[in-house]
Amino acid sequence: MATTALESPGWRIVRNVGAARGVVVRSRSLVGNFAAGLQTLFGGAISVYASLCGRTGADSDRMMCEHAMINGANAIVAMRYDANEILSGGAEAIRQGAAVVAEPER
């Protein structure tokens, strides 16, 4: 379970495990950058970069959840997401949150 909220209805946080994070930096290949350049000539959505950003975000989410589970958490609260272009055709995605142990409320 991962949420941007500070708590999740029906669940009680019993222990704070610490920060969980997933950081991914990815770039397109020369061919991918060329294809994206062609798409910019015609306008509209640049599907090559949208795909890059989508995969990068999904991978950072998976890494954050794995980091939390390795440290004994079963939930993440106060999750945040940040994405940046760090070079031409390169994307960085960072997901982070508080890894916690939560149990169902009685």
Protein backbone atom coordinates (compact mmCIF):
# COMPACT_ATOMS: atom_id res chain seq x y z
CA MET A 1 0.00 0.00 0.00
CA ALA A 2 1.35 3.41 -0.93
CA THR A 3 -0.39 6.75 -0.53
CA THR A 4 0.38 10.44 -0.72
CA ALA A 5 -1.75 10.93 2.42
CA LEU A 6 -0.35 10.87 5.93
CA GLU A 7 -2.61 7.95 6.86
CA SER A 8 -4.89 5.43 5.21
CA PRO A 9 -8.48 4.95 6.38
CA GLY A 10 -8.97 1.59 8.06
CA TRP A 11 -5.27 1.18 8.83
CA ARG A 12 -3.24 2.12 11.89
CA ILE A 13 0.49 2.84 11.70
CA VAL A 14 2.28 0.86 14.39
CA ARG A 15 5.92 1.53 13.48
CA ASN A 16 7.90 3.94 11.34
CA VAL A 17 10.64 2.09 9.46
CA GLY A 18 12.27 5.13 7.81
CA ALA A 19 12.53 6.66 4.38
CA ALA A 20 11.92 4.60 1.27
CA ARG A 21 13.11 5.84 -2.09
CA GLY A 22 13.49 4.86 -5.69
CA VAL A 23 15.72 6.81 -8.07
CA VAL A 24 15.95 6.04 -11.78
CA VAL A 25 17.87 7.93 -14.47
CA ARG A 26 17.26 6.86 -18.03
CA SER A 27 18.07 8.23 -21.49
CA ARG A 28 16.88 7.52 -25.00
CA SER A 29 19.18 6.00 -27.57
CA LEU A 30 20.48 7.98 -30.52
CA VAL A 31 17.73 6.43 -32.67
CA GLY A 32 15.09 7.32 -30.06
CA ASN A 33 16.30 10.92 -29.91
CA PHE A 34 16.19 11.11 -33.72
CA ALA A 35 12.61 9.78 -33.75
CA ALA A 36 11.60 12.29 -31.07
CA GLY A 37 13.22 15.07 -33.10
CA LEU A 38 11.11 14.09 -36.08
CA GLN A 39 7.97 14.14 -33.92
CA THR A 40 8.74 17.70 -32.82
CA LEU A 41 8.76 18.82 -36.47
CA PHE A 42 5.12 17.83 -36.86
CA GLY A 43 3.91 18.97 -33.42
CA GLY A 44 1.66 17.15 -30.99
CA ALA A 45 2.55 14.54 -28.41
CA ILE A 46 6.08 13.20 -28.41
CA SER A 47 5.35 9.54 -27.74
CA VAL A 48 9.02 8.51 -27.58
CA TYR A 49 9.64 10.77 -24.56
CA ALA A 50 6.24 10.05 -22.99
CA SER A 51 7.12 6.35 -23.03
CA LEU A 52 10.54 7.11 -21.50
CA CYS A 53 8.98 9.13 -18.67
CA GLY A 54 6.29 6.51 -18.02
CA ARG A 55 8.75 3.64 -17.72
CA THR A 56 11.14 5.71 -15.60
CA GLY A 57 8.34 6.65 -13.18
CA ALA A 58 7.07 3.07 -12.93
CA ASP A 59 10.58 1.76 -12.25
CA SER A 60 11.19 4.34 -9.50
CA ASP A 61 7.86 3.38 -7.91
CA ARG A 62 8.81 -0.31 -7.94
CA MET A 63 12.25 0.46 -6.46
CA MET A 64 10.71 2.55 -3.65
CA CYS A 65 8.31 -0.26 -2.74
CA GLU A 66 11.12 -2.84 -2.81
CA HIS A 67 13.27 -0.60 -0.58
CA ALA A 68 10.41 -0.32 1.92
CA MET A 69 9.76 -4.09 1.95
CA ILE A 70 13.46 -4.95 2.39
CA ASN A 71 13.45 -2.79 5.52
CA GLY A 72 10.35 -4.52 6.93
CA ALA A 73 7.59 -2.10 5.94
CA ASN A 74 4.25 -3.11 4.47
CA ALA A 75 3.06 0.41 3.55
CA ILE A 76 4.32 3.82 2.45
CA VAL A 77 2.70 7.09 3.49
CA ALA A 78 3.47 10.70 2.53
CA MET A 79 4.70 9.50 -0.86
CA ARG A 80 6.08 12.16 -3.19
CA TYR A 81 7.18 12.08 -6.82
CA ASP A 82 9.62 14.30 -8.68
CA ALA A 83 10.84 14.13 -12.26
CA ASN A 84 13.52 16.16 -13.98
CA GLU A 85 15.29 16.38 -17.28
CA ILE A 86 18.95 16.08 -16.36
CA LEU A 87 20.31 16.07 -19.91
CA SER A 88 18.87 16.33 -23.38
CA GLY A 89 16.77 13.21 -23.82
CA GLY A 90 17.38 11.99 -20.29
CA ALA A 91 14.85 11.69 -17.50
CA GLU A 92 15.27 11.30 -13.75
CA ALA A 93 12.42 10.07 -11.58
CA ILE A 94 12.49 10.08 -7.79
CA ARG A 95 9.81 8.57 -5.58
CA GLN A 96 10.09 8.78 -1.83
CA GLY A 97 7.93 8.33 1.20
CA ALA A 98 7.80 7.18 4.80
CA ALA A 99 8.02 3.40 5.05
CA VAL A 100 5.78 2.13 7.85
CA VAL A 101 4.27 -1.00 9.31
CA ALA A 102 0.50 -0.70 9.28
CA GLU A 103 -2.20 -3.04 10.54
CA PRO A 104 -5.96 -3.05 9.98
CA GLU A 105 -7.95 -1.16 12.59
CA ARG A 106 -10.22 -3.33 14.70
